[in-house]
């Protein structure tokens, strides 16, 4: 068997910035100005009524990049990486380096203490890039509430879609739990949640290169 592996990128012209995402492409934040494709996930905000009940003790603030010291976020990031057992996750500083003027930070407070943060791209498309929290109280489901906050913010600014980056492996099944869920199958946007979840589960079950031969028949 011969195996050929190729990274697929695109160069997107200025007049294609809003069209490219509709065809499954998003900016590559870590290798700009390339754009990348994959099993992208997005939320159609026209199917979200804008209402969500937040815990009383959670509060949110949206600020520009540079308005808070990274040292206040580093401990949250370290706790997040340790709790998720990531060993090769890119530092969030890298995510903020490219076009910081087109990004925002969402700060999440439990009463008066910062317990989580999220990085958003707001132009040329709205993308939830990265979320991290310290797992101080897992039952709070801070990530879920924060995603609703981001959806509400986008909807109030007349944004049609909230992109959630690619959905692979079981860690990304949560993305299918929001109104307007869609995923890119390589040629069109799908709404079949069960099929998406099966694909994510299959991703996590792959153990060797020989099992890749069955992927085309399962999609």
Protein backbone atom coordinates (compact mmCIF):
# COMPACT_ATOMS: atom_id res chain seq x y z
CA UNK A 1 0.00 0.00 0.00
CA UNK A 2 1.19 3.51 -0.83
CA UNK A 3 0.08 6.38 1.38
CA UNK A 4 0.23 9.99 0.24
CA UNK A 5 -0.29 12.71 2.85
CA UNK A 6 -0.78 16.32 1.81
CA UNK A 7 -1.79 19.43 3.71
CA UNK A 8 -4.49 21.32 1.83
CA UNK A 9 -4.46 25.12 1.99
CA UNK A 10 -5.97 27.93 -0.03
CA UNK A 11 -5.09 31.53 -0.80
CA UNK A 12 -8.20 33.66 -0.43
CA UNK A 13 -8.58 36.97 -2.22
CA UNK A 14 -10.18 39.96 -0.53
CA UNK A 15 -13.38 39.60 -2.54
CA UNK A 16 -13.62 35.93 -1.46
CA UNK A 17 -13.36 36.47 2.31
CA UNK A 18 -17.04 35.94 3.02
CA UNK A 19 -17.53 33.30 0.31
CA UNK A 20 -14.69 30.96 1.34
CA UNK A 21 -16.27 29.98 4.70
CA UNK A 22 -19.47 28.93 2.96
CA UNK A 23 -17.34 26.37 1.10
CA UNK A 24 -15.69 24.95 4.21
CA UNK A 25 -12.61 27.19 4.46
CA UNK A 26 -11.41 29.12 7.54
CA UNK A 27 -8.32 31.28 8.17
CA UNK A 28 -5.32 29.33 9.43
CA UNK A 29 -4.48 31.31 12.58
CA UNK A 30 -1.10 29.59 13.01
CA UNK A 31 0.15 29.65 9.43
CA UNK A 32 -1.26 32.86 7.88
CA UNK A 33 -2.31 33.97 5.38
CA UNK A 34 -3.31 30.43 4.38
CA UNK A 35 -6.86 29.11 4.83
CA UNK A 36 -7.60 25.48 5.70
CA UNK A 37 -10.50 23.12 5.17
CA UNK A 38 -11.85 20.15 7.11
CA UNK A 39 -14.96 18.93 8.86
CA UNK A 40 -15.88 22.48 9.82
CA UNK A 41 -18.75 23.14 12.23
CA UNK A 42 -20.98 26.20 12.30
CA UNK A 43 -24.20 27.35 13.98
CA UNK A 44 -26.95 28.97 11.92
CA UNK A 45 -27.93 31.79 14.28
CA UNK A 46 -31.25 32.29 12.49
CA UNK A 47 -32.37 29.17 14.37
CA UNK A 48 -31.34 30.62 17.74
CA UNK A 49 -33.94 32.80 19.49
CA UNK A 50 -31.27 34.66 21.45
CA UNK A 51 -32.51 33.48 24.84
CA UNK A 52 -30.48 31.49 27.36
CA UNK A 53 -30.55 31.21 31.14
CA UNK A 54 -27.16 31.83 32.74
CA UNK A 55 -26.16 30.99 36.32
CA UNK A 56 -26.50 34.09 38.47
CA UNK A 57 -22.88 34.01 39.61
CA UNK A 58 -21.43 33.96 36.06
CA UNK A 59 -20.63 37.30 34.43
CA UNK A 60 -19.09 38.12 31.06
CA UNK A 61 -16.96 40.89 29.62
CA UNK A 62 -15.81 41.28 26.02
CA UNK A 63 -12.58 43.21 25.55
CA UNK A 64 -10.03 43.95 22.84
CA UNK A 65 -6.78 41.99 22.68
CA UNK A 66 -4.17 43.72 24.82
CA UNK A 67 -6.56 45.11 27.41
CA UNK A 68 -5.64 42.44 29.96
CA UNK A 69 -2.29 41.03 31.02
CA UNK A 70 -1.62 37.52 29.77
CA UNK A 71 -0.31 36.65 33.23
CA UNK A 72 -3.91 36.78 34.49
CA UNK A 73 -4.88 34.16 31.92
CA UNK A 74 -1.82 31.90 32.02
CA UNK A 75 -2.89 30.06 35.17
CA UNK A 76 -6.31 29.34 33.67
CA UNK A 77 -4.62 28.02 30.53
CA UNK A 78 -2.25 25.79 32.52
CA UNK A 79 -5.14 24.33 34.52
CA UNK A 80 -7.10 23.76 31.31
CA UNK A 81 -4.23 21.94 29.58
CA UNK A 82 -3.61 19.80 32.65
CA UNK A 83 -7.28 18.90 33.10
CA UNK A 84 -7.74 17.98 29.43
CA UNK A 85 -4.41 16.11 29.41
CA UNK A 86 -3.24 17.88 26.30
CA UNK A 87 0.44 17.47 25.45
CA UNK A 88 0.70 19.29 22.12
CA UNK A 89 -1.93 22.03 22.34
CA UNK A 90 -0.78 25.34 20.84
CA UNK A 91 -0.34 28.11 23.40
CA UNK A 92 -3.22 30.56 23.29
CA UNK A 93 -0.68 33.39 22.79
CA UNK A 94 -0.11 32.02 19.30
CA UNK A 95 -3.80 32.29 18.53
CA UNK A 96 -3.73 35.98 19.41
CA UNK A 97 -0.66 36.88 17.38
CA UNK A 98 -2.24 37.02 13.92
CA UNK A 99 -4.55 40.00 13.28
CA UNK A 100 -5.22 40.86 16.95
CA UNK A 101 -7.25 43.86 15.76
CA UNK A 102 -9.83 41.43 14.37
CA UNK A 103 -10.08 39.38 17.56
CA UNK A 104 -11.70 39.78 20.95
CA UNK A 105 -11.33 38.15 24.36
CA UNK A 106 -14.35 37.00 26.34
CA UNK A 107 -13.62 37.01 30.06
CA UNK A 108 -15.77 34.82 32.29
CA UNK A 109 -16.13 35.69 35.97
CA UNK A 110 -17.52 33.54 38.75
CA UNK A 111 -18.60 36.37 41.01
CA UNK A 112 -15.45 38.56 41.03
CA UNK A 113 -12.85 36.02 39.92
CA UNK A 114 -11.82 35.23 36.33
CA UNK A 115 -12.32 31.50 35.82
CA UNK A 116 -12.34 31.21 32.01
CA UNK A 117 -11.68 33.03 28.77
CA UNK A 118 -12.48 32.62 25.11
CA UNK A 119 -10.87 33.95 21.93
CA UNK A 120 -13.09 35.16 19.10
CA UNK A 121 -12.37 36.18 15.54
CA UNK A 122 -14.91 38.83 14.57
CA UNK A 123 -13.76 39.63 11.00
CA UNK A 124 -14.12 38.71 8.17
CA UNK A 125 -16.21 35.94 9.76
CA UNK A 126 -17.25 35.15 13.30
CA UNK A 127 -15.24 32.21 14.68
CA UNK A 128 -15.07 30.81 18.21
CA UNK A 129 -11.36 29.99 18.17
CA UNK A 130 -10.40 28.85 21.64
CA UNK A 131 -11.95 28.38 25.06
CA UNK A 132 -10.18 27.61 28.32
CA UNK A 133 -11.25 27.43 31.94
CA UNK A 134 -9.87 26.21 35.24
CA UNK A 135 -12.52 23.54 36.00
CA UNK A 136 -12.97 25.05 39.46
CA UNK A 137 -16.58 23.85 39.51
CA UNK A 138 -17.30 21.38 36.68
CA UNK A 139 -21.06 21.29 37.32
CA UNK A 140 -21.27 24.93 36.20
CA UNK A 141 -20.77 23.90 32.54
CA UNK A 142 -18.96 27.18 31.91
CA UNK A 143 -18.05 26.22 28.34
CA UNK A 144 -21.68 25.64 27.36
CA UNK A 145 -22.83 28.96 28.83
CA UNK A 146 -19.93 30.79 27.20
CA UNK A 147 -20.85 29.40 23.80
CA UNK A 148 -24.37 30.74 24.25
CA UNK A 149 -22.91 34.12 25.21
CA UNK A 150 -20.91 34.17 21.98
CA UNK A 151 -23.95 33.17 19.95
CA UNK A 152 -25.99 35.94 21.55
CA UNK A 153 -23.29 38.51 20.87
CA UNK A 154 -23.06 37.46 17.22
CA UNK A 155 -26.81 37.47 16.75
CA UNK A 156 -27.19 40.98 18.17
CA UNK A 157 -24.62 42.12 15.60
CA UNK A 158 -26.64 40.60 12.74
CA UNK A 159 -24.12 37.83 12.11
CA UNK A 160 -25.60 34.81 10.34
CA UNK A 161 -23.17 32.06 11.34
CA UNK A 162 -20.99 31.29 14.33
CA UNK A 163 -18.14 29.02 13.15
CA UNK A 164 -16.71 26.59 15.71
CA UNK A 165 -13.67 25.32 13.75
CA UNK A 166 -13.36 21.62 12.77
CA UNK A 167 -15.17 18.78 14.54
CA UNK A 168 -13.05 15.66 14.98
CA UNK A 169 -12.99 12.92 17.63
CA UNK A 170 -15.28 12.58 20.63
CA UNK A 171 -13.97 15.81 22.16
CA UNK A 172 -15.93 17.70 19.49
CA UNK A 173 -19.31 16.00 19.85
CA UNK A 174 -20.41 18.85 22.16
CA UNK A 175 -20.56 21.15 19.15
CA UNK A 176 -23.67 19.38 17.91
CA UNK A 177 -25.68 20.36 21.00
CA UNK A 178 -26.53 23.92 19.94
CA UNK A 179 -29.34 25.36 17.81
CA UNK A 180 -28.58 25.62 14.10
CA UNK A 181 -25.82 22.98 14.15
CA UNK A 182 -24.26 22.25 10.73
CA UNK A 183 -21.10 20.46 9.59
CA UNK A 184 -19.16 20.46 6.32
CA UNK A 185 -18.87 17.04 4.68
CA UNK A 186 -16.44 18.15 1.97
CA UNK A 187 -19.04 19.27 -0.53
CA UNK A 188 -22.01 20.68 1.40
CA UNK A 189 -23.29 21.62 4.85
CA UNK A 190 -25.07 18.81 6.69
CA UNK A 191 -27.46 18.87 9.66
CA UNK A 192 -27.44 15.15 10.51
CA UNK A 193 -26.27 15.11 14.15
CA UNK A 194 -26.21 11.32 14.47
CA UNK A 195 -23.97 10.94 11.45
CA UNK A 196 -21.63 13.66 12.73
CA UNK A 197 -21.39 11.94 16.12
CA UNK A 198 -20.66 8.59 14.47
CA UNK A 199 -17.82 10.15 12.51
CA UNK A 200 -16.37 11.74 15.65
CA UNK A 201 -16.56 8.44 17.51
CA UNK A 202 -14.93 6.65 14.59
CA UNK A 203 -12.10 9.21 14.61
CA UNK A 204 -11.28 8.33 18.21
CA UNK A 205 -11.43 4.60 17.53
CA UNK A 206 -8.82 4.59 14.75
CA UNK A 207 -5.67 2.88 15.98
CA UNK A 208 -3.51 2.32 12.91
CA UNK A 209 -3.04 3.44 9.34
CA UNK A 210 -4.64 0.32 7.86
CA UNK A 211 -8.04 1.29 9.32
CA UNK A 212 -8.02 4.42 7.15
CA UNK A 213 -8.95 2.21 4.19
CA UNK A 214 -12.49 1.90 5.60
CA UNK A 215 -13.14 5.62 6.01
CA UNK A 216 -14.49 6.30 2.52
CA UNK A 217 -17.15 3.63 2.90
CA UNK A 218 -18.33 5.00 6.28
CA UNK A 219 -18.75 8.64 5.27
